[in-house]
Amino acid sequence: MTNNKQLEVEVNESNFQQEVLESSIPVLVDFWAPWCMPCRMLVPTIKKLAEENQGKLKVCKLNTDENQYIAAQLGIQGIPTLIVFKDGKEVGRTVGVMPKEKIQEKLDTIL
């Protein structure tokens, strides 16, 4: 049993509506791709954010290569992109690798 799997939900076109837009708590979605080195650099940061905000923030990951329609609908032009959704609406977005503290500062204004 991997604890991180419980903390981070893989989303795709079939479950994005339920897991992200209909969530009762804010959701941080990490838009990434397997070939993206900056995305890989962000993995430990995302895991730490998921652990530290457990219960008040859901963390989801969306592979943009496999879910191009959602990425296009949301205007994802570069990865990694982090988008925070609250009550089904986008309330924050960052593009690129950022320190955990900077991301947490932005989350604190939303949570």
PDB file of N, CA and C in Angstrom:
ATOM      1  N   MET A   1       0.848  -1.186   0.000  1.00  0.00           N
ATOM      2  CA  MET A   1       0.000   0.000   0.000  1.00  0.00           C
ATOM      3  C   MET A   1       0.888   1.241   0.000  1.00  0.00           C
ATOM      4  N   THR A   2       0.703   2.097  -1.004  1.00  0.00           N
ATOM      5  CA  THR A   2       1.499   3.314  -1.060  1.00  0.00           C
ATOM      6  C   THR A   2       0.655   4.491  -0.594  1.00  0.00           C
ATOM      7  N   ASN A   3       1.148   5.162   0.405  1.00  0.00           N
ATOM      8  CA  ASN A   3       0.428   6.286   0.985  1.00  0.00           C
ATOM      9  C   ASN A   3       0.247   7.421  -0.015  1.00  0.00           C
ATOM     10  N   ASN A   4       1.247   7.650  -0.876  1.00  0.00           N
ATOM     11  CA  ASN A   4       1.165   8.740  -1.837  1.00  0.00           C
ATOM     12  C   ASN A   4       0.029   8.545  -2.828  1.00  0.00           C
ATOM     13  N   LYS A   5      -0.281   7.300  -3.162  1.00  0.00           N
ATOM     14  CA  LYS A   5      -1.386   7.041  -4.079  1.00  0.00           C
ATOM     15  C   LYS A   5      -2.704   7.529  -3.474  1.00  0.00           C
ATOM     16  N   GLN A   6      -2.837   7.425  -2.159  1.00  0.00           N
ATOM     17  CA  GLN A   6      -4.046   7.903  -1.505  1.00  0.00           C
ATOM     18  C   GLN A   6      -4.081   9.428  -1.472  1.00  0.00           C
ATOM     19  N   LEU A   7      -2.918  10.049  -1.399  1.00  0.00           N
ATOM     20  CA  LEU A   7      -2.847  11.501  -1.297  1.00  0.00           C
ATOM     21  C   LEU A   7      -2.943  12.193  -2.650  1.00  0.00           C
ATOM     22  N   GLU A   8      -2.553  11.505  -3.709  1.00  0.00           N
ATOM     23  CA  GLU A   8      -2.580  12.087  -5.045  1.00  0.00           C
ATOM     24  C   GLU A   8      -3.463  11.233  -5.948  1.00  0.00           C
ATOM     25  N   VAL A   9      -4.444  11.863  -6.561  1.00  0.00           N
ATOM     26  CA  VAL A   9      -5.399  11.164  -7.411  1.00  0.00           C
ATOM     27  C   VAL A   9      -5.047  11.429  -8.872  1.00  0.00           C
ATOM     28  N   GLU A  10      -4.897  10.354  -9.653  1.00  0.00           N
ATOM     29  CA  GLU A  10      -4.695  10.509 -11.098  1.00  0.00           C
ATOM     30  C   GLU A  10      -6.049  10.846 -11.718  1.00  0.00           C
ATOM     31  N   VAL A  11      -6.109  11.949 -12.451  1.00  0.00           N
ATOM     32  CA  VAL A  11      -7.365  12.311 -13.104  1.00  0.00           C
ATOM     33  C   VAL A  11      -7.191  12.267 -14.613  1.00  0.00           C
ATOM     34  N   ASN A  12      -8.330  12.061 -15.284  1.00  0.00           N
ATOM     35  CA  ASN A  12      -8.362  11.999 -16.742  1.00  0.00           C
ATOM     36  C   ASN A  12      -9.727  12.503 -17.197  1.00  0.00           C
ATOM     37  N   GLU A  13     -10.012  12.353 -18.469  1.00  0.00           N
ATOM     38  CA  GLU A  13     -11.272  12.878 -18.993  1.00  0.00           C
ATOM     39  C   GLU A  13     -12.491  12.225 -18.355  1.00  0.00           C
ATOM     40  N   SER A  14     -12.375  10.970 -17.934  1.00  0.00           N
ATOM     41  CA  SER A  14     -13.546  10.284 -17.385  1.00  0.00           C
ATOM     42  C   SER A  14     -13.842  10.656 -15.932  1.00  0.00           C
ATOM     43  N   ASN A  15     -12.836  11.087 -15.159  1.00  0.00           N
ATOM     44  CA  ASN A  15     -13.116  11.395 -13.750  1.00  0.00           C
ATOM     45  C   ASN A  15     -12.809  12.843 -13.344  1.00  0.00           C
ATOM     46  N   PHE A  16     -12.400  13.688 -14.287  1.00  0.00           N
ATOM     47  CA  PHE A  16     -12.039  15.075 -13.972  1.00  0.00           C
ATOM     48  C   PHE A  16     -13.219  15.831 -13.351  1.00  0.00           C
ATOM     49  N   GLN A  17     -14.391  15.688 -13.938  1.00  0.00           N
ATOM     50  CA  GLN A  17     -15.589  16.369 -13.428  1.00  0.00           C
ATOM     51  C   GLN A  17     -15.840  16.001 -11.966  1.00  0.00           C
ATOM     52  N   GLN A  18     -15.861  14.702 -11.677  1.00  0.00           N
ATOM     53  CA  GLN A  18     -16.166  14.231 -10.325  1.00  0.00           C
ATOM     54  C   GLN A  18     -15.055  14.577  -9.336  1.00  0.00           C
ATOM     55  N   GLU A  19     -13.817  14.268  -9.678  1.00  0.00           N
ATOM     56  CA  GLU A  19     -12.701  14.431  -8.739  1.00  0.00           C
ATOM     57  C   GLU A  19     -12.300  15.887  -8.524  1.00  0.00           C
ATOM     58  N   VAL A  20     -12.421  16.712  -9.558  1.00  0.00           N
ATOM     59  CA  VAL A  20     -11.937  18.093  -9.474  1.00  0.00           C
ATOM     60  C   VAL A  20     -13.086  19.089  -9.355  1.00  0.00           C
ATOM     61  N   LEU A  21     -13.937  19.141 -10.361  1.00  0.00           N
ATOM     62  CA  LEU A  21     -14.964  20.184 -10.411  1.00  0.00           C
ATOM     63  C   LEU A  21     -16.058  20.008  -9.363  1.00  0.00           C
ATOM     64  N   GLU A  22     -16.338  18.766  -8.963  1.00  0.00           N
ATOM     65  CA  GLU A  22     -17.393  18.520  -7.979  1.00  0.00           C
ATOM     66  C   GLU A  22     -16.848  18.268  -6.575  1.00  0.00           C
ATOM     67  N   SER A  23     -15.564  18.483  -6.359  1.00  0.00           N
ATOM     68  CA  SER A  23     -14.952  18.238  -5.049  1.00  0.00           C
ATOM     69  C   SER A  23     -15.497  19.208  -4.005  1.00  0.00           C
ATOM     70  N   SER A  24     -15.688  18.702  -2.793  1.00  0.00           N
ATOM     71  CA  SER A  24     -16.187  19.547  -1.696  1.00  0.00           C
ATOM     72  C   SER A  24     -15.077  20.387  -1.073  1.00  0.00           C
ATOM     73  N   ILE A  25     -13.814  20.055  -1.373  1.00  0.00           N
ATOM     74  CA  ILE A  25     -12.682  20.848  -0.878  1.00  0.00           C
ATOM     75  C   ILE A  25     -11.871  21.333  -2.086  1.00  0.00           C
ATOM     76  N   PRO A  26     -11.058  22.373  -1.911  1.00  0.00           N
ATOM     77  CA  PRO A  26     -10.234  22.848  -3.030  1.00  0.00           C
ATOM     78  C   PRO A  26      -9.332  21.737  -3.572  1.00  0.00           C
ATOM     79  N   VAL A  27      -9.027  21.837  -4.867  1.00  0.00           N
ATOM     80  CA  VAL A  27      -8.228  20.821  -5.549  1.00  0.00           C
ATOM     81  C   VAL A  27      -7.051  21.483  -6.263  1.00  0.00           C
ATOM     82  N   LEU A  28      -5.857  20.969  -6.012  1.00  0.00           N
ATOM     83  CA  LEU A  28      -4.658  21.381  -6.745  1.00  0.00           C
ATOM     84  C   LEU A  28      -4.414  20.338  -7.823  1.00  0.00           C
ATOM     85  N   VAL A  29      -4.434  20.761  -9.085  1.00  0.00           N
ATOM     86  CA  VAL A  29      -4.185  19.831 -10.186  1.00  0.00           C
ATOM     87  C   VAL A  29      -2.811  20.132 -10.779  1.00  0.00           C
ATOM     88  N   ASP A  30      -1.981  19.101 -10.814  1.00  0.00           N
ATOM     89  CA  ASP A  30      -0.646  19.173 -11.400  1.00  0.00           C
ATOM     90  C   ASP A  30      -0.737  18.651 -12.830  1.00  0.00           C
ATOM     91  N   PHE A  31      -0.578  19.548 -13.806  1.00  0.00           N
ATOM     92  CA  PHE A  31      -0.581  19.167 -15.215  1.00  0.00           C
ATOM     93  C   PHE A  31       0.858  18.866 -15.611  1.00  0.00           C
ATOM     94  N   TRP A  32       1.119  17.640 -16.055  1.00  0.00           N
ATOM     95  CA  TRP A  32       2.479  17.169 -16.285  1.00  0.00           C
ATOM     96  C   TRP A  32       2.529  16.228 -17.486  1.00  0.00           C
ATOM     97  N   ALA A  33       3.741  15.822 -17.864  1.00  0.00           N
ATOM     98  CA  ALA A  33       3.949  14.798 -18.890  1.00  0.00           C
ATOM     99  C   ALA A  33       5.208  14.015 -18.518  1.00  0.00           C
ATOM    100  N   PRO A  34       5.263  12.737 -18.897  1.00  0.00           N
ATOM    101  CA  PRO A  34       6.392  11.892 -18.509  1.00  0.00           C
ATOM    102  C   PRO A  34       7.750  12.388 -19.026  1.00  0.00           C
ATOM    103  N   TRP A  35       7.782  13.052 -20.163  1.00  0.00           N
ATOM    104  CA  TRP A  35       9.035  13.505 -20.773  1.00  0.00           C
ATOM    105  C   TRP A  35       9.522  14.838 -20.204  1.00  0.00           C
ATOM    106  N   CYS A  36       8.717  15.483 -19.382  1.00  0.00           N
ATOM    107  CA  CYS A  36       8.992  16.838 -18.882  1.00  0.00           C
ATOM    108  C   CYS A  36       9.896  16.794 -17.644  1.00  0.00           C
ATOM    109  N   MET A  37      11.157  17.201 -17.811  1.00  0.00           N
ATOM    110  CA  MET A  37      12.093  17.178 -16.678  1.00  0.00           C
ATOM    111  C   MET A  37      11.675  18.134 -15.554  1.00  0.00           C
ATOM    112  N   PRO A  38      11.243  19.374 -15.845  1.00  0.00           N
ATOM    113  CA  PRO A  38      10.778  20.232 -14.750  1.00  0.00           C
ATOM    114  C   PRO A  38       9.602  19.616 -13.984  1.00  0.00           C
ATOM    115  N   CYS A  39       8.743  18.869 -14.690  1.00  0.00           N
ATOM    116  CA  CYS A  39       7.623  18.188 -14.025  1.00  0.00           C
ATOM    117  C   CYS A  39       8.149  17.173 -13.016  1.00  0.00           C
ATOM    118  N   ARG A  40       9.178  16.447 -13.417  1.00  0.00           N
ATOM    119  CA  ARG A  40       9.776  15.450 -12.522  1.00  0.00           C
ATOM    120  C   ARG A  40      10.408  16.121 -11.308  1.00  0.00           C
ATOM    121  N   MET A  41      11.008  17.292 -11.524  1.00  0.00           N
ATOM    122  CA  MET A  41      11.625  18.026 -10.417  1.00  0.00           C
ATOM    123  C   MET A  41      10.576  18.456  -9.389  1.00  0.00           C
ATOM    124  N   LEU A  42       9.345  18.652  -9.855  1.00  0.00           N
ATOM    125  CA  LEU A  42       8.271  19.129  -8.990  1.00  0.00           C
ATOM    126  C   LEU A  42       7.616  18.007  -8.176  1.00  0.00           C
ATOM    127  N   VAL A  43       7.846  16.749  -8.545  1.00  0.00           N
ATOM    128  CA  VAL A  43       7.189  15.609  -7.887  1.00  0.00           C
ATOM    129  C   VAL A  43       7.346  15.618  -6.364  1.00  0.00           C
ATOM    130  N   PRO A  44       8.562  15.753  -5.812  1.00  0.00           N
ATOM    131  CA  PRO A  44       8.684  15.745  -4.346  1.00  0.00           C
ATOM    132  C   PRO A  44       7.939  16.910  -3.688  1.00  0.00           C
ATOM    133  N   THR A  45       7.916  18.047  -4.359  1.00  0.00           N
ATOM    134  CA  THR A  45       7.203  19.218  -3.837  1.00  0.00           C
ATOM    135  C   THR A  45       5.708  18.945  -3.769  1.00  0.00           C
ATOM    136  N   ILE A  46       5.161  18.369  -4.827  1.00  0.00           N
ATOM    137  CA  ILE A  46       3.724  18.065  -4.875  1.00  0.00           C
ATOM    138  C   ILE A  46       3.372  17.043  -3.799  1.00  0.00           C
ATOM    139  N   LYS A  47       4.209  16.024  -3.634  1.00  0.00           N
ATOM    140  CA  LYS A  47       3.964  15.012  -2.595  1.00  0.00           C
ATOM    141  C   LYS A  47       3.941  15.657  -1.213  1.00  0.00           C
ATOM    142  N   LYS A  48       4.875  16.545  -0.956  1.00  0.00           N
ATOM    143  CA  LYS A  48       4.960  17.218   0.343  1.00  0.00           C
ATOM    144  C   LYS A  48       3.729  18.101   0.564  1.00  0.00           C
ATOM    145  N   LEU A  49       3.315  18.834  -0.457  1.00  0.00           N
ATOM    146  CA  LEU A  49       2.116  19.674  -0.348  1.00  0.00           C
ATOM    147  C   LEU A  49       0.886  18.815  -0.064  1.00  0.00           C
ATOM    148  N   ALA A  50       0.788  17.653  -0.711  1.00  0.00           N
ATOM    149  CA  ALA A  50      -0.340  16.744  -0.482  1.00  0.00           C
ATOM    150  C   ALA A  50      -0.359  16.279   0.966  1.00  0.00           C
ATOM    151  N   GLU A  51       0.819  15.931   1.497  1.00  0.00           N
ATOM    152  CA  GLU A  51       0.910  15.474   2.888  1.00  0.00           C
ATOM    153  C   GLU A  51       0.552  16.590   3.864  1.00  0.00           C
ATOM    154  N   GLU A  52       1.116  17.763   3.658  1.00  0.00           N
ATOM    155  CA  GLU A  52       0.954  18.864   4.611  1.00  0.00           C
ATOM    156  C   GLU A  52      -0.435  19.496   4.583  1.00  0.00           C
ATOM    157  N   ASN A  53      -1.164  19.328   3.480  1.00  0.00           N
ATOM    158  CA  ASN A  53      -2.493  19.928   3.359  1.00  0.00           C
ATOM    159  C   ASN A  53      -3.599  18.880   3.343  1.00  0.00           C
ATOM    160  N   GLN A  54      -3.266  17.665   3.783  1.00  0.00           N
ATOM    161  CA  GLN A  54      -4.227  16.564   3.765  1.00  0.00           C
ATOM    162  C   GLN A  54      -5.483  16.947   4.542  1.00  0.00           C
ATOM    163  N   GLY A  55      -6.638  16.696   3.924  1.00  0.00           N
ATOM    164  CA  GLY A  55      -7.903  16.989   4.579  1.00  0.00           C
ATOM    165  C   GLY A  55      -8.491  18.335   4.199  1.00  0.00           C
ATOM    166  N   LYS A  56      -7.637  19.278   3.793  1.00  0.00           N
ATOM    167  CA  LYS A  56      -8.163  20.590   3.385  1.00  0.00           C
ATOM    168  C   LYS A  56      -7.891  20.892   1.920  1.00  0.00           C
ATOM    169  N   LEU A  57      -7.103  20.020   1.265  1.00  0.00           N
ATOM    170  CA  LEU A  57      -6.776  20.183  -0.150  1.00  0.00           C
ATOM    171  C   LEU A  57      -6.628  18.808  -0.777  1.00  0.00           C
ATOM    172  N   LYS A  58      -7.295  18.613  -1.915  1.00  0.00           N
ATOM    173  CA  LYS A  58      -7.108  17.381  -2.684  1.00  0.00           C
ATOM    174  C   LYS A  58      -6.052  17.675  -3.742  1.00  0.00           C
ATOM    175  N   VAL A  59      -5.132  16.748  -3.945  1.00  0.00           N
ATOM    176  CA  VAL A  59      -4.092  16.916  -4.954  1.00  0.00           C
ATOM    177  C   VAL A  59      -4.309  15.883  -6.056  1.00  0.00           C
ATOM    178  N   CYS A  60      -4.401  16.380  -7.286  1.00  0.00           N
ATOM    179  CA  CYS A  60      -4.610  15.510  -8.438  1.00  0.00           C
ATOM    180  C   CYS A  60      -3.506  15.742  -9.462  1.00  0.00           C
ATOM    181  N   LYS A  61      -3.249  14.713 -10.268  1.00  0.00           N
ATOM    182  CA  LYS A  61      -2.250  14.804 -11.330  1.00  0.00           C
ATOM    183  C   LYS A  61      -2.934  14.465 -12.648  1.00  0.00           C
ATOM    184  N   LEU A  62      -2.656  15.272 -13.681  1.00  0.00           N
ATOM    185  CA  LEU A  62      -3.239  15.021 -14.990  1.00  0.00           C
ATOM    186  C   LEU A  62      -2.123  14.989 -16.032  1.00  0.00           C
ATOM    187  N   ASN A  63      -1.976  13.846 -16.692  1.00  0.00           N
ATOM    188  CA  ASN A  63      -0.980  13.675 -17.747  1.00  0.00           C
ATOM    189  C   ASN A  63      -1.509  14.364 -19.005  1.00  0.00           C
ATOM    190  N   THR A  64      -0.846  15.450 -19.422  1.00  0.00           N
ATOM    191  CA  THR A  64      -1.346  16.228 -20.558  1.00  0.00           C
ATOM    192  C   THR A  64      -1.210  15.481 -21.883  1.00  0.00           C
ATOM    193  N   ASP A  65      -0.267  14.553 -21.983  1.00  0.00           N
ATOM    194  CA  ASP A  65      -0.132  13.765 -23.214  1.00  0.00           C
ATOM    195  C   ASP A  65      -1.346  12.862 -23.414  1.00  0.00           C
ATOM    196  N   GLU A  66      -1.877  12.332 -22.326  1.00  0.00           N
ATOM    197  CA  GLU A  66      -3.008  11.406 -22.402  1.00  0.00           C
ATOM    198  C   GLU A  66      -4.354  12.115 -22.322  1.00  0.00           C
ATOM    199  N   ASN A  67      -4.354  13.376 -21.941  1.00  0.00           N
ATOM    200  CA  ASN A  67      -5.603  14.122 -21.747  1.00  0.00           C
ATOM    201  C   ASN A  67      -5.504  15.498 -22.396  1.00  0.00           C
ATOM    202  N   GLN A  68      -5.211  15.489 -23.696  1.00  0.00           N
ATOM    203  CA  GLN A  68      -4.983  16.740 -24.412  1.00  0.00           C
ATOM    204  C   GLN A  68      -6.223  17.622 -24.484  1.00  0.00           C
ATOM    205  N   TYR A  69      -7.403  17.016 -24.502  1.00  0.00           N
ATOM    206  CA  TYR A  69      -8.632  17.803 -24.593  1.00  0.00           C
ATOM    207  C   TYR A  69      -8.800  18.697 -23.365  1.00  0.00           C
ATOM    208  N   ILE A  70      -8.638  18.119 -22.174  1.00  0.00           N
ATOM    209  CA  ILE A  70      -8.776  18.908 -20.942  1.00  0.00           C
ATOM    210  C   ILE A  70      -7.709  19.992 -20.897  1.00  0.00           C
ATOM    211  N   ALA A  71      -6.474  19.628 -21.228  1.00  0.00           N
ATOM    212  CA  ALA A  71      -5.379  20.604 -21.219  1.00  0.00           C
ATOM    213  C   ALA A  71      -5.690  21.768 -22.159  1.00  0.00           C
ATOM    214  N   ALA A  72      -6.218  21.472 -23.336  1.00  0.00           N
ATOM    215  CA  ALA A  72      -6.560  22.522 -24.298  1.00  0.00           C
ATOM    216  C   ALA A  72      -7.718  23.375 -23.787  1.00  0.00           C
ATOM    217  N   GLN A  73      -8.736  22.730 -23.211  1.00  0.00           N
ATOM    218  CA  GLN A  73      -9.894  23.466 -22.681  1.00  0.00           C
ATOM    219  C   GLN A  73      -9.480  24.465 -21.603  1.00  0.00           C
ATOM    220  N   LEU A  74      -8.460  24.099 -20.823  1.00  0.00           N
ATOM    221  CA  LEU A  74      -8.012  24.955 -19.724  1.00  0.00           C
ATOM    222  C   LEU A  74      -6.878  25.892 -20.134  1.00  0.00           C
ATOM    223  N   GLY A  75      -6.505  25.857 -21.408  1.00  0.00           N
ATOM    224  CA  GLY A  75      -5.481  26.761 -21.906  1.00  0.00           C
ATOM    225  C   GLY A  75      -4.085  26.469 -21.389  1.00  0.00           C
ATOM    226  N   ILE A  76      -3.794  25.194 -21.147  1.00  0.00           N
ATOM    227  CA  ILE A  76      -2.456  24.815 -20.682  1.00  0.00           C
ATOM    228  C   ILE A  76      -1.492  24.970 -21.857  1.00  0.00           C
ATOM    229  N   GLN A  77      -0.524  25.881 -21.722  1.00  0.00           N
ATOM    230  CA  GLN A  77       0.426  26.123 -22.808  1.00  0.00           C
ATOM    231  C   GLN A  77       1.832  25.672 -22.463  1.00  0.00           C
ATOM    232  N   GLY A  78       2.101  25.465 -21.192  1.00  0.00           N
ATOM    233  CA  GLY A  78       3.403  24.995 -20.758  1.00  0.00           C
ATOM    234  C   GLY A  78       3.237  24.143 -19.514  1.00  0.00           C
ATOM    235  N   ILE A  79       4.143  23.207 -19.324  1.00  0.00           N
ATOM    236  CA  ILE A  79       4.089  22.367 -18.128  1.00  0.00           C
ATOM    237  C   ILE A  79       5.444  22.383 -17.448  1.00  0.00           C
ATOM    238  N   PRO A  80       5.480  22.195 -16.160  1.00  0.00           N
ATOM    239  CA  PRO A  80       4.341  21.926 -15.279  1.00  0.00           C
ATOM    240  C   PRO A  80       3.477  23.168 -15.056  1.00  0.00           C
ATOM    241  N   THR A  81       2.184  22.943 -15.005  1.00  0.00           N
ATOM    242  CA  THR A  81       1.220  23.972 -14.623  1.00  0.00           C
ATOM    243  C   THR A  81       0.437  23.434 -13.439  1.00  0.00           C
ATOM    244  N   LEU A  82       0.284  24.262 -12.427  1.00  0.00           N
ATOM    245  CA  LEU A  82      -0.542  23.921 -11.269  1.00  0.00           C
ATOM    246  C   LEU A  82      -1.759  24.828 -11.286  1.00  0.00           C
ATOM    247  N   ILE A  83      -2.946  24.241 -11.208  1.00  0.00           N
ATOM    248  CA  ILE A  83      -4.183  25.019 -11.136  1.00  0.00           C
ATOM    249  C   ILE A  83      -4.934  24.590  -9.887  1.00  0.00           C
ATOM    250  N   VAL A  84      -5.422  25.579  -9.145  1.00  0.00           N
ATOM    251  CA  VAL A  84      -6.250  25.302  -7.977  1.00  0.00           C
ATOM    252  C   VAL A  84      -7.697  25.588  -8.355  1.00  0.00           C
ATOM    253  N   PHE A  85      -8.559  24.617  -8.079  1.00  0.00           N
ATOM    254  CA  PHE A  85      -9.992  24.750  -8.309  1.00  0.00           C
ATOM    255  C   PHE A  85     -10.693  24.775  -6.961  1.00  0.00           C
ATOM    256  N   LYS A  86     -11.679  25.653  -6.840  1.00  0.00           N
ATOM    257  CA  LYS A  86     -12.505  25.716  -5.632  1.00  0.00           C
ATOM    258  C   LYS A  86     -13.939  25.901  -6.094  1.00  0.00           C
ATOM    259  N   ASP A  87     -14.829  25.062  -5.592  1.00  0.00           N
ATOM    260  CA  ASP A  87     -16.237  25.100  -6.004  1.00  0.00           C
ATOM    261  C   ASP A  87     -16.381  25.018  -7.523  1.00  0.00           C
ATOM    262  N   GLY A  88     -15.530  24.206  -8.158  1.00  0.00           N
ATOM    263  CA  GLY A  88     -15.632  23.974  -9.590  1.00  0.00           C
ATOM    264  C   GLY A  88     -15.038  25.044 -10.477  1.00  0.00           C
ATOM    265  N   LYS A  89     -14.425  26.061  -9.883  1.00  0.00           N
ATOM    266  CA  LYS A  89     -13.865  27.155 -10.670  1.00  0.00           C
ATOM    267  C   LYS A  89     -12.372  27.312 -10.396  1.00  0.00           C
ATOM    268  N   GLU A  90     -11.635  27.731 -11.426  1.00  0.00           N
ATOM    269  CA  GLU A  90     -10.210  28.001 -11.260  1.00  0.00           C
ATOM    270  C   GLU A  90     -10.034  29.244 -10.392  1.00  0.00           C
ATOM    271  N   VAL A  91      -9.214  29.118  -9.340  1.00  0.00           N
ATOM    272  CA  VAL A  91      -8.968  30.256  -8.440  1.00  0.00           C
ATOM    273  C   VAL A  91      -7.483  30.597  -8.330  1.00  0.00           C
ATOM    274  N   GLY A  92      -6.636  29.828  -9.002  1.00  0.00           N
ATOM    275  CA  GLY A  92      -5.208  30.119  -8.972  1.00  0.00           C
ATOM    276  C   GLY A  92      -4.459  29.263  -9.966  1.00  0.00           C
ATOM    277  N   ARG A  93      -3.354  29.824 -10.502  1.00  0.00           N
ATOM    278  CA  ARG A  93      -2.567  29.094 -11.504  1.00  0.00           C
ATOM    279  C   ARG A  93      -1.112  29.532 -11.420  1.00  0.00           C
ATOM    280  N   THR A  94      -0.209  28.559 -11.518  1.00  0.00           N
ATOM    281  CA  THR A  94       1.221  28.845 -11.643  1.00  0.00           C
ATOM    282  C   THR A  94       1.777  27.968 -12.754  1.00  0.00           C
ATOM    283  N   VAL A  95       2.781  28.480 -13.438  1.00  0.00           N
ATOM    284  CA  VAL A  95       3.436  27.728 -14.509  1.00  0.00           C
ATOM    285  C   VAL A  95       4.918  27.663 -14.190  1.00  0.00           C
ATOM    286  N   GLY A  96       5.487  26.471 -14.317  1.00  0.00           N
ATOM    287  CA  GLY A  96       6.910  26.296 -14.063  1.00  0.00           C
ATOM    288  C   GLY A  96       7.176  25.764 -12.671  1.00  0.00           C
ATOM    289  N   VAL A  97       8.446  25.513 -12.405  1.00  0.00           N
ATOM    290  CA  VAL A  97       8.865  24.982 -11.108  1.00  0.00           C
ATOM    291  C   VAL A  97       8.989  26.130 -10.119  1.00  0.00           C
ATOM    292  N   MET A  98       8.390  25.953  -8.962  1.00  0.00           N
ATOM    293  CA  MET A  98       8.464  26.949  -7.896  1.00  0.00           C
ATOM    294  C   MET A  98       8.815  26.240  -6.598  1.00  0.00           C
ATOM    295  N   PRO A  99       9.449  26.952  -5.659  1.00  0.00           N
ATOM    296  CA  PRO A  99       9.705  26.349  -4.348  1.00  0.00           C
ATOM    297  C   PRO A  99       8.388  26.045  -3.633  1.00  0.00           C
ATOM    298  N   LYS A 100       8.410  25.003  -2.820  1.00  0.00           N
ATOM    299  CA  LYS A 100       7.212  24.597  -2.078  1.00  0.00           C
ATOM    300  C   LYS A 100       6.626  25.756  -1.286  1.00  0.00           C
ATOM    301  N   GLU A 101       7.485  26.557  -0.673  1.00  0.00           N
ATOM    302  CA  GLU A 101       7.014  27.670   0.164  1.00  0.00           C
ATOM    303  C   GLU A 101       6.201  28.682  -0.647  1.00  0.00           C
ATOM    304  N   LYS A 102       6.625  28.950  -1.882  1.00  0.00           N
ATOM    305  CA  LYS A 102       5.897  29.895  -2.746  1.00  0.00           C
ATOM    306  C   LYS A 102       4.526  29.336  -3.116  1.00  0.00           C
ATOM    307  N   ILE A 103       4.488  28.050  -3.436  1.00  0.00           N
ATOM    308  CA  ILE A 103       3.206  27.425  -3.778  1.00  0.00           C
ATOM    309  C   ILE A 103       2.298  27.431  -2.553  1.00  0.00           C
ATOM    310  N   GLN A 104       2.840  27.095  -1.383  1.00  0.00           N
ATOM    311  CA  GLN A 104       2.046  27.072  -0.153  1.00  0.00           C
ATOM    312  C   GLN A 104       1.501  28.461   0.171  1.00  0.00           C
ATOM    313  N   GLU A 105       2.299  29.507  -0.052  1.00  0.00           N
ATOM    314  CA  GLU A 105       1.824  30.884   0.169  1.00  0.00           C
ATOM    315  C   GLU A 105       0.580  31.156  -0.662  1.00  0.00           C
ATOM    316  N   LYS A 106       0.625  30.756  -1.935  1.00  0.00           N
ATOM    317  CA  LYS A 106      -0.529  30.955  -2.813  1.00  0.00           C
ATOM    318  C   LYS A 106      -1.722  30.124  -2.334  1.00  0.00           C
ATOM    319  N   LEU A 107      -1.449  28.884  -1.902  1.00  0.00           N
ATOM    320  CA  LEU A 107      -2.526  28.028  -1.399  1.00  0.00           C
ATOM    321  C   LEU A 107      -3.159  28.617  -0.146  1.00  0.00           C
ATOM    322  N   ASP A 108      -2.333  29.189   0.726  1.00  0.00           N
ATOM    323  CA  ASP A 108      -2.844  29.746   1.982  1.00  0.00           C
ATOM    324  C   ASP A 108      -3.860  30.856   1.747  1.00  0.00           C
ATOM    325  N   THR A 109      -3.753  31.574   0.636  1.00  0.00           N
ATOM    326  CA  THR A 109      -4.721  32.636   0.345  1.00  0.00           C
ATOM    327  C   THR A 109      -6.059  32.060  -0.116  1.00  0.00           C
ATOM    328  N   ILE A 110      -6.046  30.781  -0.522  1.00  0.00           N
ATOM    329  CA  ILE A 110      -7.248  30.129  -1.047  1.00  0.00           C
ATOM    330  C   ILE A 110      -7.903  29.229  -0.011  1.00  0.00           C
ATOM    331  N   LEU A 111      -7.079  28.531   0.768  1.00  0.00           N
ATOM    332  CA  LEU A 111      -7.611  27.546   1.724  1.00  0.00           C
ATOM    333  C   LEU A 111      -8.233  28.199   2.944  1.00  0.00           C
TER     334      LEU A 111
END
